[in-house]
Amino acid sequence: PGASSPAAQHNIDPHYTFDNFVEGKSNQLGKAAAMQVAQNPGRAYNPLLLYGGTGLGKTHLMQAAGNLMLKHNPSMKLLYVHSERFTEMMITALRNKNMDDFKHRFRSVDALLIDDIQFFAGKDATQEEFFHTFNTLYESRQQIVLTCDRYPKEVDNLELRLKSRLGWGLSVAIEPPDFETRAAILLEKAQARGIPLPGDVALLLARRIRSNVRELEGALNTVAAQANLSGRGITMELVQETLRDLFNVHARAITIQNIQKTVADYYQLRLSDLLSQRRVRSLARPRQIAMALAKELTEHSLPEIGEAFGGKDHTTVMHACKKIRSLCDTDMRLRQDWDKLIRILTG
């Protein structure tokens, strides 16, 4: 739409709501923050920044917040735009010499929602314009909601002053869903689309596809289409046949060896030290994290994981998993490391 199009003030997809968002440990905080923002725009958390890998529900939460704001206040001027669209519109405005219209359009809204701000990186003029738009909206307490595919401080070629402003509100990580949430998402999507999905099939899909919600949905659609075209019911056998290649890719993508190497690189350790019997804290903690990641992200049993870590007993692996789970609740630094490693391994 052109710069003067009023319809774009409400260009939120009505299908995205909090009611049809499946909540789990991985996105609980993000959902709570988005709801707070929707109920108190400009006053709760400003800006709200949701960050995490592709296909984890950031856009869903952002647009659900927009829909709830509109429900509470239908006359609210609300604008949703992808970061690349923001740049395109700015270039068009510069070419047509109507930057004033562009500025007015973005700075006169009650809430501005911008997706994937990592694409602002390296675009100096776009960052400059967004910086001033941000300041105007922030000062007049208009709500800003943003998404990014990683923690903004990790985005190269994003201006320091912009990174600093993004930290003024609340930044929340949206993580890949855990097993139970993946299963719940599949059952919810299947029910919404009238797909008869047996529980054991949902559990199989949830166990084998760990990366993101979009891939889960894609797998569900593929299986439903295959069942429909072949006139067969959705069974374990049909799923194994239909998704054989996808399952193989996922099984190859995350191995214990891959996890060990990733953790060693992350903590700048030698792999041989990580797998050694030495118990100094600087090695013991990363080793426990690697074991817990192997339990979380692979199909291997506790004895198999122990074997891969120099013949450790399965109770050692169990202790490591418990320890890391409890530390994730109390140690913010370790929690950030865990989240980052999950993103690296599942990205």
C-alpha atoms as a PDB file:
ATOM      1  CA  PRO A   1       0.000   0.000   0.000  1.00  0.00           C
ATOM      2  CA  GLY A   2       1.058   3.581  -0.652  1.00  0.00           C
ATOM      3  CA  ALA A   3       2.179   5.933   2.104  1.00  0.00           C
ATOM      4  CA  SER A   4      -1.287   7.446   2.440  1.00  0.00           C
ATOM      5  CA  SER A   5      -3.245   4.170   2.607  1.00  0.00           C
ATOM      6  CA  PRO A   6      -5.287   4.198   5.826  1.00  0.00           C
ATOM      7  CA  ALA A   7      -6.089   0.467   5.588  1.00  0.00           C
ATOM      8  CA  ALA A   8      -2.481  -0.318   6.456  1.00  0.00           C
ATOM      9  CA  GLN A   9      -3.081   1.083   9.955  1.00  0.00           C
ATOM     10  CA  HIS A  10      -4.731  -2.257  10.766  1.00  0.00           C
ATOM     11  CA  ASN A  11      -2.752  -4.706   8.645  1.00  0.00           C
ATOM     12  CA  ILE A  12      -2.650  -7.361  11.375  1.00  0.00           C
ATOM     13  CA  ASP A  13      -3.557 -10.953  10.490  1.00  0.00           C
ATOM     14  CA  PRO A  14      -6.705 -11.736  12.560  1.00  0.00           C
ATOM     15  CA  HIS A  15      -5.814 -15.439  12.696  1.00  0.00           C
ATOM     16  CA  TYR A  16      -2.965 -14.813  15.140  1.00  0.00           C
ATOM     17  CA  THR A  17      -4.414 -14.783  18.659  1.00  0.00           C
ATOM     18  CA  PHE A  18      -3.255 -15.730  22.146  1.00  0.00           C
ATOM     19  CA  ASP A  19      -6.048 -18.336  22.280  1.00  0.00           C
ATOM     20  CA  ASN A  20      -4.553 -20.411  19.449  1.00  0.00           C
ATOM     21  CA  PHE A  21      -0.937 -19.998  20.611  1.00  0.00           C
ATOM     22  CA  VAL A  22       0.321 -23.181  22.298  1.00  0.00           C
ATOM     23  CA  GLU A  23       2.197 -22.245  25.449  1.00  0.00           C
ATOM     24  CA  GLY A  24       5.141 -24.192  26.862  1.00  0.00           C
ATOM     25  CA  LYS A  25       8.249 -23.572  28.954  1.00  0.00           C
ATOM     26  CA  SER A  26      10.109 -22.326  25.868  1.00  0.00           C
ATOM     27  CA  ASN A  27       7.724 -19.424  25.162  1.00  0.00           C
ATOM     28  CA  GLN A  28       5.906 -18.814  28.477  1.00  0.00           C
ATOM     29  CA  LEU A  29       7.685 -15.574  29.316  1.00  0.00           C
ATOM     30  CA  GLY A  30       7.305 -14.270  25.756  1.00  0.00           C
ATOM     31  CA  LYS A  31       3.568 -14.900  25.791  1.00  0.00           C
ATOM     32  CA  ALA A  32       3.128 -13.272  29.227  1.00  0.00           C
ATOM     33  CA  ALA A  33       5.117 -10.190  28.140  1.00  0.00           C
ATOM     34  CA  ALA A  34       3.198  -9.845  24.854  1.00  0.00           C
ATOM     35  CA  MET A  35      -0.122 -10.035  26.751  1.00  0.00           C
ATOM     36  CA  GLN A  36       1.041  -7.399  29.245  1.00  0.00           C
ATOM     37  CA  VAL A  37       2.021  -5.094  26.404  1.00  0.00           C
ATOM     38  CA  ALA A  38      -1.317  -5.632  24.660  1.00  0.00           C
ATOM     39  CA  GLN A  39      -3.207  -4.785  27.851  1.00  0.00           C
ATOM     40  CA  ASN A  40      -1.079  -1.716  28.724  1.00  0.00           C
ATOM     41  CA  PRO A  41       0.393  -0.410  25.452  1.00  0.00           C
ATOM     42  CA  GLY A  42       3.249   2.050  25.939  1.00  0.00           C
ATOM     43  CA  ARG A  43       3.228   1.461  29.683  1.00  0.00           C
ATOM     44  CA  ALA A  44       4.229  -2.132  30.471  1.00  0.00           C
ATOM     45  CA  TYR A  45       7.408  -2.879  28.510  1.00  0.00           C
ATOM     46  CA  ASN A  46       8.552  -0.516  25.802  1.00  0.00           C
ATOM     47  CA  PRO A  47      10.026  -1.642  23.509  1.00  0.00           C
ATOM     48  CA  LEU A  48       9.153  -5.330  23.742  1.00  0.00           C
ATOM     49  CA  LEU A  49      11.704  -7.347  21.793  1.00  0.00           C
ATOM     50  CA  LEU A  50      11.110 -11.054  21.090  1.00  0.00           C
ATOM     51  CA  TYR A  51      14.167 -12.890  19.781  1.00  0.00           C
ATOM     52  CA  GLY A  52      14.967 -16.447  18.725  1.00  0.00           C
ATOM     53  CA  GLY A  53      15.348 -18.728  15.698  1.00  0.00           C
ATOM     54  CA  THR A  54      13.029 -19.024  12.717  1.00  0.00           C
ATOM     55  CA  GLY A  55       9.583 -20.567  13.030  1.00  0.00           C
ATOM     56  CA  LEU A  56       9.254 -20.435  16.828  1.00  0.00           C
ATOM     57  CA  GLY A  57       6.182 -18.182  17.067  1.00  0.00           C
ATOM     58  CA  LYS A  58       7.651 -14.662  17.415  1.00  0.00           C
ATOM     59  CA  THR A  59       5.453 -13.245  14.644  1.00  0.00           C
ATOM     60  CA  HIS A  60       2.423 -15.071  16.084  1.00  0.00           C
ATOM     61  CA  LEU A  61       2.955 -13.450  19.517  1.00  0.00           C
ATOM     62  CA  MET A  62       3.615 -10.021  18.029  1.00  0.00           C
ATOM     63  CA  GLN A  63       0.468 -10.102  15.898  1.00  0.00           C
ATOM     64  CA  ALA A  64      -1.597 -11.639  18.728  1.00  0.00           C
ATOM     65  CA  ALA A  65      -0.563  -8.607  20.827  1.00  0.00           C
ATOM     66  CA  GLY A  66      -1.693  -6.348  17.974  1.00  0.00           C
ATOM     67  CA  ASN A  67      -5.055  -8.125  17.710  1.00  0.00           C
ATOM     68  CA  LEU A  68      -5.646  -7.835  21.457  1.00  0.00           C
ATOM     69  CA  MET A  69      -4.790  -4.105  21.396  1.00  0.00           C
ATOM     70  CA  LEU A  70      -7.341  -3.619  18.615  1.00  0.00           C
ATOM     71  CA  LYS A  71      -9.928  -5.643  20.512  1.00  0.00           C
ATOM     72  CA  HIS A  72      -9.527  -3.341  23.531  1.00  0.00           C
ATOM     73  CA  ASN A  73      -9.401  -0.211  21.379  1.00  0.00           C
ATOM     74  CA  PRO A  74     -10.696  -0.644  17.789  1.00  0.00           C
ATOM     75  CA  SER A  75      -9.811   2.957  16.860  1.00  0.00           C
ATOM     76  CA  MET A  76      -6.141   2.421  17.695  1.00  0.00           C
ATOM     77  CA  LYS A  77      -3.720   3.263  14.869  1.00  0.00           C
ATOM     78  CA  LEU A  78      -1.539   0.203  14.641  1.00  0.00           C
ATOM     79  CA  LEU A  79       1.034  -0.650  11.974  1.00  0.00           C
ATOM     80  CA  TYR A  80       2.761  -3.986  11.365  1.00  0.00           C
ATOM     81  CA  VAL A  81       5.621  -4.151   8.882  1.00  0.00           C
ATOM     82  CA  HIS A  82       8.532  -6.434   8.050  1.00  0.00           C
ATOM     83  CA  SER A  83      11.915  -4.698   8.376  1.00  0.00           C
ATOM     84  CA  GLU A  84      12.686  -5.165   4.656  1.00  0.00           C
ATOM     85  CA  ARG A  85       9.335  -3.576   3.768  1.00  0.00           C
ATOM     86  CA  PHE A  86      10.258  -0.607   6.008  1.00  0.00           C
ATOM     87  CA  THR A  87      13.460  -0.178   3.957  1.00  0.00           C
ATOM     88  CA  GLU A  88      11.608  -0.535   0.621  1.00  0.00           C
ATOM     89  CA  MET A  89       9.019   2.067   1.644  1.00  0.00           C
ATOM     90  CA  MET A  90      11.743   4.441   2.741  1.00  0.00           C
ATOM     91  CA  ILE A  91      13.622   4.079  -0.571  1.00  0.00           C
ATOM     92  CA  THR A  92      10.363   4.722  -2.486  1.00  0.00           C
ATOM     93  CA  ALA A  93       9.683   7.817  -0.351  1.00  0.00           C
ATOM     94  CA  LEU A  94      13.205   9.145  -0.969  1.00  0.00           C
ATOM     95  CA  ARG A  95      12.859   8.563  -4.729  1.00  0.00           C
ATOM     96  CA  ASN A  96       9.447  10.269  -4.830  1.00  0.00           C
ATOM     97  CA  LYS A  97      10.632  13.067  -2.532  1.00  0.00           C
ATOM     98  CA  ASN A  98       7.852  12.489   0.002  1.00  0.00           C
ATOM     99  CA  MET A  99       9.864  11.588   3.100  1.00  0.00           C
ATOM    100  CA  ASP A 100       7.557  13.789   5.168  1.00  0.00           C
ATOM    101  CA  ASP A 101       4.641  11.453   4.413  1.00  0.00           C
ATOM    102  CA  PHE A 102       6.787   8.437   5.288  1.00  0.00           C
ATOM    103  CA  LYS A 103       7.876   9.974   8.599  1.00  0.00           C
ATOM    104  CA  HIS A 104       4.331  10.988   9.462  1.00  0.00           C
ATOM    105  CA  ARG A 105       3.014   7.524   8.670  1.00  0.00           C
ATOM    106  CA  PHE A 106       5.407   5.735  10.996  1.00  0.00           C
ATOM    107  CA  ARG A 107       5.566   8.341  13.734  1.00  0.00           C
ATOM    108  CA  SER A 108       1.852   9.011  14.138  1.00  0.00           C
ATOM    109  CA  VAL A 109       0.835   5.451  15.055  1.00  0.00           C
ATOM    110  CA  ASP A 110      -0.227   4.292  18.521  1.00  0.00           C
ATOM    111  CA  ALA A 111       1.736   1.051  18.138  1.00  0.00           C
ATOM    112  CA  LEU A 112       4.458   0.017  15.691  1.00  0.00           C
ATOM    113  CA  LEU A 113       5.268  -3.682  15.158  1.00  0.00           C
ATOM    114  CA  ILE A 114       8.397  -4.501  13.136  1.00  0.00           C
ATOM    115  CA  ASP A 115       9.453  -8.063  12.297  1.00  0.00           C
ATOM    116  CA  ASP A 116      13.047  -9.289  11.794  1.00  0.00           C
ATOM    117  CA  ILE A 117      15.018  -6.169  12.670  1.00  0.00           C
ATOM    118  CA  GLN A 118      18.276  -8.058  11.993  1.00  0.00           C
ATOM    119  CA  PHE A 119      17.753  -7.004   8.358  1.00  0.00           C
ATOM    120  CA  PHE A 120      18.446  -3.380   9.373  1.00  0.00           C
ATOM    121  CA  ALA A 121      22.102  -4.410   9.821  1.00  0.00           C
ATOM    122  CA  GLY A 122      24.473  -2.595   7.487  1.00  0.00           C
ATOM    123  CA  LYS A 123      21.725  -0.269   6.143  1.00  0.00           C
ATOM    124  CA  ASP A 124      22.852   3.047   7.614  1.00  0.00           C
ATOM    125  CA  ALA A 125      20.090   5.282   6.234  1.00  0.00           C
ATOM    126  CA  THR A 126      17.377   2.814   7.351  1.00  0.00           C
ATOM    127  CA  GLN A 127      18.891   2.617  10.834  1.00  0.00           C
ATOM    128  CA  GLU A 128      19.087   6.407  11.022  1.00  0.00           C
ATOM    129  CA  GLU A 129      15.408   6.764  10.093  1.00  0.00           C
ATOM    130  CA  PHE A 130      14.302   3.978  12.441  1.00  0.00           C
ATOM    131  CA  PHE A 131      16.375   5.528  15.243  1.00  0.00           C
ATOM    132  CA  HIS A 132      14.416   8.813  14.977  1.00  0.00           C
ATOM    133  CA  THR A 133      11.084   6.983  14.591  1.00  0.00           C
ATOM    134  CA  PHE A 134      11.905   4.950  17.698  1.00  0.00           C
ATOM    135  CA  ASN A 135      12.746   8.099  19.701  1.00  0.00           C
ATOM    136  CA  THR A 136       9.540   9.872  18.669  1.00  0.00           C
ATOM    137  CA  LEU A 137       7.301   6.907  19.549  1.00  0.00           C
ATOM    138  CA  TYR A 138       9.156   6.129  22.772  1.00  0.00           C
ATOM    139  CA  GLU A 139       8.964   9.720  24.033  1.00  0.00           C
ATOM    140  CA  SER A 140       5.228   9.907  23.358  1.00  0.00           C
ATOM    141  CA  ARG A 141       4.759   6.479  25.038  1.00  0.00           C
ATOM    142  CA  GLN A 142       3.497   4.745  21.919  1.00  0.00           C
ATOM    143  CA  GLN A 143       4.115   0.988  21.977  1.00  0.00           C
ATOM    144  CA  ILE A 144       6.977  -0.553  19.972  1.00  0.00           C
ATOM    145  CA  VAL A 145       7.144  -4.348  19.477  1.00  0.00           C
ATOM    146  CA  LEU A 146      10.064  -5.878  17.579  1.00  0.00           C
ATOM    147  CA  THR A 147      11.356  -9.325  16.665  1.00  0.00           C
ATOM    148  CA  CYS A 148      14.880 -10.438  15.850  1.00  0.00           C
ATOM    149  CA  ASP A 149      16.429 -13.806  14.963  1.00  0.00           C
ATOM    150  CA  ARG A 150      19.064 -13.448  17.731  1.00  0.00           C
ATOM    151  CA  TYR A 151      19.896 -11.304  20.738  1.00  0.00           C
ATOM    152  CA  PRO A 152      20.324  -7.788  19.205  1.00  0.00           C
ATOM    153  CA  LYS A 153      23.763  -7.286  20.767  1.00  0.00           C
ATOM    154  CA  GLU A 154      24.905 -10.261  18.647  1.00  0.00           C
ATOM    155  CA  VAL A 155      23.780  -8.613  15.378  1.00  0.00           C
ATOM    156  CA  ASP A 156      26.809  -7.264  13.490  1.00  0.00           C
ATOM    157  CA  ASN A 157      26.576  -3.866  11.753  1.00  0.00           C
ATOM    158  CA  LEU A 158      23.727  -2.652  13.950  1.00  0.00           C
ATOM    159  CA  GLU A 159      24.550   0.787  15.358  1.00  0.00           C
ATOM    160  CA  LEU A 160      25.515   0.899  19.030  1.00  0.00           C
ATOM    161  CA  ARG A 161      23.004   3.638  19.842  1.00  0.00           C
ATOM    162  CA  LEU A 162      20.251   1.468  18.335  1.00  0.00           C
ATOM    163  CA  LYS A 163      21.364  -1.647  20.260  1.00  0.00           C
ATOM    164  CA  SER A 164      21.343   0.464  23.408  1.00  0.00           C
ATOM    165  CA  ARG A 165      17.766   1.651  22.825  1.00  0.00           C
ATOM    166  CA  LEU A 166      16.551  -1.869  22.116  1.00  0.00           C
ATOM    167  CA  GLY A 167      17.646  -2.708  25.662  1.00  0.00           C
ATOM    168  CA  TRP A 168      15.468   0.026  27.226  1.00  0.00           C
ATOM    169  CA  GLY A 169      12.417  -2.204  27.485  1.00  0.00           C
ATOM    170  CA  LEU A 170      12.192  -5.974  27.794  1.00  0.00           C
ATOM    171  CA  SER A 171      14.006  -8.523  25.618  1.00  0.00           C
ATOM    172  CA  VAL A 172      12.645 -12.082  25.799  1.00  0.00           C
ATOM    173  CA  ALA A 173      14.114 -15.211  24.192  1.00  0.00           C
ATOM    174  CA  ILE A 174      11.695 -17.577  22.441  1.00  0.00           C
ATOM    175  CA  GLU A 175      13.279 -21.030  22.465  1.00  0.00           C
ATOM    176  CA  PRO A 176      12.635 -24.171  20.403  1.00  0.00           C
ATOM    177  CA  PRO A 177       9.681 -25.979  22.051  1.00  0.00           C
ATOM    178  CA  ASP A 178      10.319 -28.961  24.301  1.00  0.00           C
ATOM    179  CA  PHE A 179       8.920 -32.423  23.536  1.00  0.00           C
ATOM    180  CA  GLU A 180       5.589 -31.974  25.365  1.00  0.00           C
ATOM    181  CA  THR A 181       4.959 -28.568  23.761  1.00  0.00           C
ATOM    182  CA  ARG A 182       5.773 -29.941  20.304  1.00  0.00           C
ATOM    183  CA  ALA A 183       3.213 -32.720  20.803  1.00  0.00           C
ATOM    184  CA  ALA A 184       0.601 -30.237  22.087  1.00  0.00           C
ATOM    185  CA  ILE A 185       1.223 -27.939  19.080  1.00  0.00           C
ATOM    186  CA  LEU A 186       0.681 -30.814  16.637  1.00  0.00           C
ATOM    187  CA  LEU A 187      -2.567 -31.916  18.294  1.00  0.00           C
ATOM    188  CA  GLU A 188      -3.841 -28.308  18.411  1.00  0.00           C
ATOM    189  CA  LYS A 189      -3.012 -27.669  14.710  1.00  0.00           C
ATOM    190  CA  ALA A 190      -4.520 -31.002  13.665  1.00  0.00           C
ATOM    191  CA  GLN A 191      -7.729 -30.313  15.558  1.00  0.00           C
ATOM    192  CA  ALA A 192      -8.000 -26.794  14.092  1.00  0.00           C
ATOM    193  CA  ARG A 193      -7.715 -28.244  10.561  1.00  0.00           C
ATOM    194  CA  GLY A 194      -9.886 -31.299  11.128  1.00  0.00           C
ATOM    195  CA  ILE A 195      -6.973 -33.716  10.618  1.00  0.00           C
ATOM    196  CA  PRO A 196      -7.537 -36.995  12.530  1.00  0.00           C
ATOM    197  CA  LEU A 197      -4.117 -37.295  14.181  1.00  0.00           C
ATOM    198  CA  PRO A 198      -3.656 -40.279  16.526  1.00  0.00           C
ATOM    199  CA  GLY A 199      -1.795 -39.561  19.774  1.00  0.00           C
ATOM    200  CA  ASP A 200       1.031 -42.028  19.060  1.00  0.00           C
ATOM    201  CA  VAL A 201       1.689 -40.355  15.684  1.00  0.00           C
ATOM    202  CA  ALA A 202       1.796 -36.901  17.313  1.00  0.00           C
ATOM    203  CA  LEU A 203       4.354 -38.229  19.826  1.00  0.00           C
ATOM    204  CA  LEU A 204       6.466 -39.750  17.042  1.00  0.00           C
ATOM    205  CA  LEU A 205       6.514 -36.478  15.073  1.00  0.00           C
ATOM    206  CA  ALA A 206       7.298 -34.490  18.226  1.00  0.00           C
ATOM    207  CA  ARG A 207      10.167 -36.826  19.084  1.00  0.00           C
ATOM    208  CA  ARG A 208      11.722 -36.822  15.611  1.00  0.00           C
ATOM    209  CA  ILE A 209      11.301 -33.139  14.609  1.00  0.00           C
ATOM    210  CA  ARG A 210      12.918 -30.841  17.135  1.00  0.00           C
ATOM    211  CA  SER A 211      13.863 -27.688  15.240  1.00  0.00           C
ATOM    212  CA  ASN A 212      10.831 -25.393  15.086  1.00  0.00           C
ATOM    213  CA  VAL A 213       7.062 -25.075  14.842  1.00  0.00           C
ATOM    214  CA  ARG A 214       7.098 -24.360  11.116  1.00  0.00           C
ATOM    215  CA  GLU A 215       8.819 -27.674  10.352  1.00  0.00           C
ATOM    216  CA  LEU A 216       6.325 -29.477  12.591  1.00  0.00           C
ATOM    217  CA  GLU A 217       3.435 -27.889  10.685  1.00  0.00           C
ATOM    218  CA  GLY A 218       5.071 -28.754   7.368  1.00  0.00           C
ATOM    219  CA  ALA A 219       5.419 -32.395   8.438  1.00  0.00           C
ATOM    220  CA  LEU A 220       1.783 -32.510   9.580  1.00  0.00           C
ATOM    221  CA  ASN A 221       0.599 -31.049   6.243  1.00  0.00           C
ATOM    222  CA  THR A 222       2.723 -33.534   4.265  1.00  0.00           C
ATOM    223  CA  VAL A 223       1.354 -36.508   6.208  1.00  0.00           C
ATOM    224  CA  ALA A 224      -2.250 -35.262   5.909  1.00  0.00           C
ATOM    225  CA  ALA A 225      -1.854 -34.739   2.147  1.00  0.00           C
ATOM    226  CA  GLN A 226      -0.322 -38.205   1.674  1.00  0.00           C
ATOM    227  CA  ALA A 227      -3.147 -39.836   3.675  1.00  0.00           C
ATOM    228  CA  ASN A 228      -5.720 -37.931   1.652  1.00  0.00           C
ATOM    229  CA  LEU A 229      -4.196 -38.740  -1.761  1.00  0.00           C
ATOM    230  CA  SER A 230      -3.589 -42.410  -1.005  1.00  0.00           C
ATOM    231  CA  GLY A 231      -6.916 -42.930   0.788  1.00  0.00           C
ATOM    232  CA  ARG A 232      -5.135 -44.336   3.853  1.00  0.00           C
ATOM    233  CA  GLY A 233      -5.512 -43.433   7.495  1.00  0.00           C
ATOM    234  CA  ILE A 234      -2.739 -41.597   9.346  1.00  0.00           C
ATOM    235  CA  THR A 235      -0.740 -44.411  10.940  1.00  0.00           C
ATOM    236  CA  MET A 236       2.813 -44.846  12.265  1.00  0.00           C
ATOM    237  CA  GLU A 237       3.648 -46.806   9.112  1.00  0.00           C
ATOM    238  CA  LEU A 238       2.378 -44.037   6.783  1.00  0.00           C
ATOM    239  CA  VAL A 239       4.347 -41.397   8.701  1.00  0.00           C
ATOM    240  CA  GLN A 240       7.583 -43.436   8.628  1.00  0.00           C
ATOM    241  CA  GLU A 241       7.199 -43.948   4.858  1.00  0.00           C
ATOM    242  CA  THR A 242       6.211 -40.356   4.056  1.00  0.00           C
ATOM    243  CA  LEU A 243       8.788 -38.588   6.224  1.00  0.00           C
ATOM    244  CA  ARG A 244      11.701 -41.023   5.943  1.00  0.00           C
ATOM    245  CA  ASP A 245      14.029 -38.450   4.349  1.00  0.00           C
ATOM    246  CA  LEU A 246      13.067 -35.670   6.763  1.00  0.00           C
ATOM    247  CA  PHE A 247      13.605 -37.954   9.784  1.00  0.00           C
ATOM    248  CA  ASN A 248      17.032 -38.947   8.436  1.00  0.00           C
ATOM    249  CA  VAL A 249      18.058 -35.310   8.025  1.00  0.00           C
ATOM    250  CA  HIS A 250      17.018 -34.532  11.608  1.00  0.00           C
ATOM    251  CA  ALA A 251      18.770 -37.608  12.994  1.00  0.00           C
ATOM    252  CA  ARG A 252      21.998 -36.643  11.182  1.00  0.00           C
ATOM    253  CA  ALA A 253      21.775 -32.952  12.118  1.00  0.00           C
ATOM    254  CA  ILE A 254      22.172 -33.416  15.872  1.00  0.00           C
ATOM    255  CA  THR A 255      24.557 -36.110  17.063  1.00  0.00           C
ATOM    256  CA  ILE A 256      26.299 -36.487  20.427  1.00  0.00           C
ATOM    257  CA  GLN A 257      29.617 -35.820  18.652  1.00  0.00           C
ATOM    258  CA  ASN A 258      28.209 -32.640  17.136  1.00  0.00           C
ATOM    259  CA  ILE A 259      26.985 -31.504  20.586  1.00  0.00           C
ATOM    260  CA  GLN A 260      30.366 -32.229  22.197  1.00  0.00           C
ATOM    261  CA  LYS A 261      32.235 -30.263  19.528  1.00  0.00           C
ATOM    262  CA  THR A 262      29.786 -27.335  19.689  1.00  0.00           C
ATOM    263  CA  VAL A 263      30.032 -27.111  23.501  1.00  0.00           C
ATOM    264  CA  ALA A 264      33.849 -27.379  23.423  1.00  0.00           C
ATOM    265  CA  ASP A 265      34.042 -24.600  20.794  1.00  0.00           C
ATOM    266  CA  TYR A 266      31.564 -22.429  22.706  1.00  0.00           C
ATOM    267  CA  TYR A 267      33.573 -22.598  25.937  1.00  0.00           C
ATOM    268  CA  GLN A 268      36.901 -22.503  24.033  1.00  0.00           C
ATOM    269  CA  LEU A 269      37.991 -25.898  25.395  1.00  0.00           C
ATOM    270  CA  ARG A 270      39.852 -28.741  23.751  1.00  0.00           C
ATOM    271  CA  LEU A 271      37.470 -31.595  22.921  1.00  0.00           C
ATOM    272  CA  SER A 272      39.884 -34.046  24.576  1.00  0.00           C
ATOM    273  CA  ASP A 273      39.642 -32.041  27.839  1.00  0.00           C
ATOM    274  CA  LEU A 274      35.832 -31.977  27.713  1.00  0.00           C
ATOM    275  CA  LEU A 275      35.820 -35.787  27.335  1.00  0.00           C
ATOM    276  CA  SER A 276      38.565 -36.400  29.902  1.00  0.00           C
ATOM    277  CA  GLN A 277      38.075 -37.629  33.481  1.00  0.00           C
ATOM    278  CA  ARG A 278      39.317 -34.330  34.945  1.00  0.00           C
ATOM    279  CA  ARG A 279      36.820 -32.800  37.383  1.00  0.00           C
ATOM    280  CA  VAL A 280      37.905 -29.144  37.603  1.00  0.00           C
ATOM    281  CA  ARG A 281      34.874 -26.850  37.535  1.00  0.00           C
ATOM    282  CA  SER A 282      35.906 -25.170  34.262  1.00  0.00           C
ATOM    283  CA  LEU A 283      35.486 -28.583  32.570  1.00  0.00           C
ATOM    284  CA  ALA A 284      32.842 -30.235  34.762  1.00  0.00           C
ATOM    285  CA  ARG A 285      30.095 -27.673  34.092  1.00  0.00           C
ATOM    286  CA  PRO A 286      30.464 -27.593  30.263  1.00  0.00           C
ATOM    287  CA  ARG A 287      30.609 -31.422  30.340  1.00  0.00           C
ATOM    288  CA  GLN A 288      27.310 -31.534  32.289  1.00  0.00           C
ATOM    289  CA  ILE A 289      25.762 -29.055  29.833  1.00  0.00           C
ATOM    290  CA  ALA A 290      26.846 -31.233  26.895  1.00  0.00           C
ATOM    291  CA  MET A 291      25.320 -34.335  28.553  1.00  0.00           C
ATOM    292  CA  ALA A 292      22.049 -32.507  29.261  1.00  0.00           C
ATOM    293  CA  LEU A 293      21.940 -31.251  25.655  1.00  0.00           C
ATOM    294  CA  ALA A 294      22.481 -34.797  24.383  1.00  0.00           C
ATOM    295  CA  LYS A 295      19.535 -35.974  26.510  1.00  0.00           C
ATOM    296  CA  GLU A 296      17.357 -33.059  25.314  1.00  0.00           C
ATOM    297  CA  LEU A 297      18.212 -33.128  21.610  1.00  0.00           C
ATOM    298  CA  THR A 298      18.924 -36.758  20.685  1.00  0.00           C
ATOM    299  CA  GLU A 299      17.194 -40.133  20.899  1.00  0.00           C
ATOM    300  CA  HIS A 300      20.077 -41.717  22.832  1.00  0.00           C
ATOM    301  CA  SER A 301      19.531 -43.449  26.174  1.00  0.00           C
ATOM    302  CA  LEU A 302      21.345 -42.345  29.348  1.00  0.00           C
ATOM    303  CA  PRO A 303      23.824 -45.305  29.173  1.00  0.00           C
ATOM    304  CA  GLU A 304      24.606 -44.474  25.509  1.00  0.00           C
ATOM    305  CA  ILE A 305      25.244 -40.820  26.398  1.00  0.00           C
ATOM    306  CA  GLY A 306      27.452 -41.897  29.330  1.00  0.00           C
ATOM    307  CA  GLU A 307      29.420 -44.188  26.999  1.00  0.00           C
ATOM    308  CA  ALA A 308      30.027 -41.287  24.579  1.00  0.00           C
ATOM    309  CA  PHE A 309      31.453 -39.234  27.450  1.00  0.00           C
ATOM    310  CA  GLY A 310      34.320 -41.582  28.238  1.00  0.00           C
ATOM    311  CA  GLY A 311      32.298 -44.457  29.722  1.00  0.00           C
ATOM    312  CA  LYS A 312      30.425 -42.477  32.397  1.00  0.00           C
ATOM    313  CA  ASP A 313      27.721 -44.284  34.366  1.00  0.00           C
ATOM    314  CA  HIS A 314      24.086 -43.510  33.425  1.00  0.00           C
ATOM    315  CA  THR A 315      23.513 -42.086  36.946  1.00  0.00           C
ATOM    316  CA  THR A 316      26.237 -39.483  36.237  1.00  0.00           C
ATOM    317  CA  VAL A 317      24.314 -38.395  33.134  1.00  0.00           C
ATOM    318  CA  MET A 318      21.048 -38.291  35.095  1.00  0.00           C
ATOM    319  CA  HIS A 319      22.715 -36.134  37.783  1.00  0.00           C
ATOM    320  CA  ALA A 320      24.102 -33.787  35.083  1.00  0.00           C
ATOM    321  CA  CYS A 321      20.633 -33.349  33.520  1.00  0.00           C
ATOM    322  CA  LYS A 322      19.024 -32.604  36.922  1.00  0.00           C
ATOM    323  CA  LYS A 323      21.806 -30.222  37.906  1.00  0.00           C
ATOM    324  CA  ILE A 324      21.636 -28.211  34.660  1.00  0.00           C
ATOM    325  CA  ARG A 325      17.825 -28.084  34.792  1.00  0.00           C
ATOM    326  CA  SER A 326      17.899 -26.603  38.299  1.00  0.00           C
ATOM    327  CA  LEU A 327      20.772 -24.196  37.492  1.00  0.00           C
ATOM    328  CA  CYS A 328      18.833 -22.897  34.466  1.00  0.00           C
ATOM    329  CA  ASP A 329      16.218 -21.616  36.936  1.00  0.00           C
ATOM    330  CA  THR A 330      18.687 -19.842  39.235  1.00  0.00           C
ATOM    331  CA  ASP A 331      21.797 -18.930  37.228  1.00  0.00           C
ATOM    332  CA  MET A 332      21.025 -16.351  34.510  1.00  0.00           C
ATOM    333  CA  ARG A 333      24.471 -16.665  32.893  1.00  0.00           C
ATOM    334  CA  LEU A 334      24.191 -20.431  32.553  1.00  0.00           C
ATOM    335  CA  ARG A 335      20.604 -20.075  31.291  1.00  0.00           C
ATOM    336  CA  GLN A 336      21.843 -17.737  28.527  1.00  0.00           C
ATOM    337  CA  ASP A 337      24.590 -20.216  27.592  1.00  0.00           C
ATOM    338  CA  TRP A 338      22.023 -23.053  27.464  1.00  0.00           C
ATOM    339  CA  ASP A 339      19.612 -21.016  25.308  1.00  0.00           C
ATOM    340  CA  LYS A 340      22.391 -19.947  22.962  1.00  0.00           C
ATOM    341  CA  LEU A 341      23.698 -23.512  22.554  1.00  0.00           C
ATOM    342  CA  ILE A 342      20.171 -24.799  21.830  1.00  0.00           C
ATOM    343  CA  ARG A 343      19.847 -22.074  19.165  1.00  0.00           C
ATOM    344  CA  ILE A 344      23.211 -22.981  17.599  1.00  0.00           C
ATOM    345  CA  LEU A 345      22.430 -26.709  17.542  1.00  0.00           C
ATOM    346  CA  THR A 346      18.830 -26.474  16.301  1.00  0.00           C
ATOM    347  CA  GLY A 347      19.327 -23.477  13.995  1.00  0.00           C
END
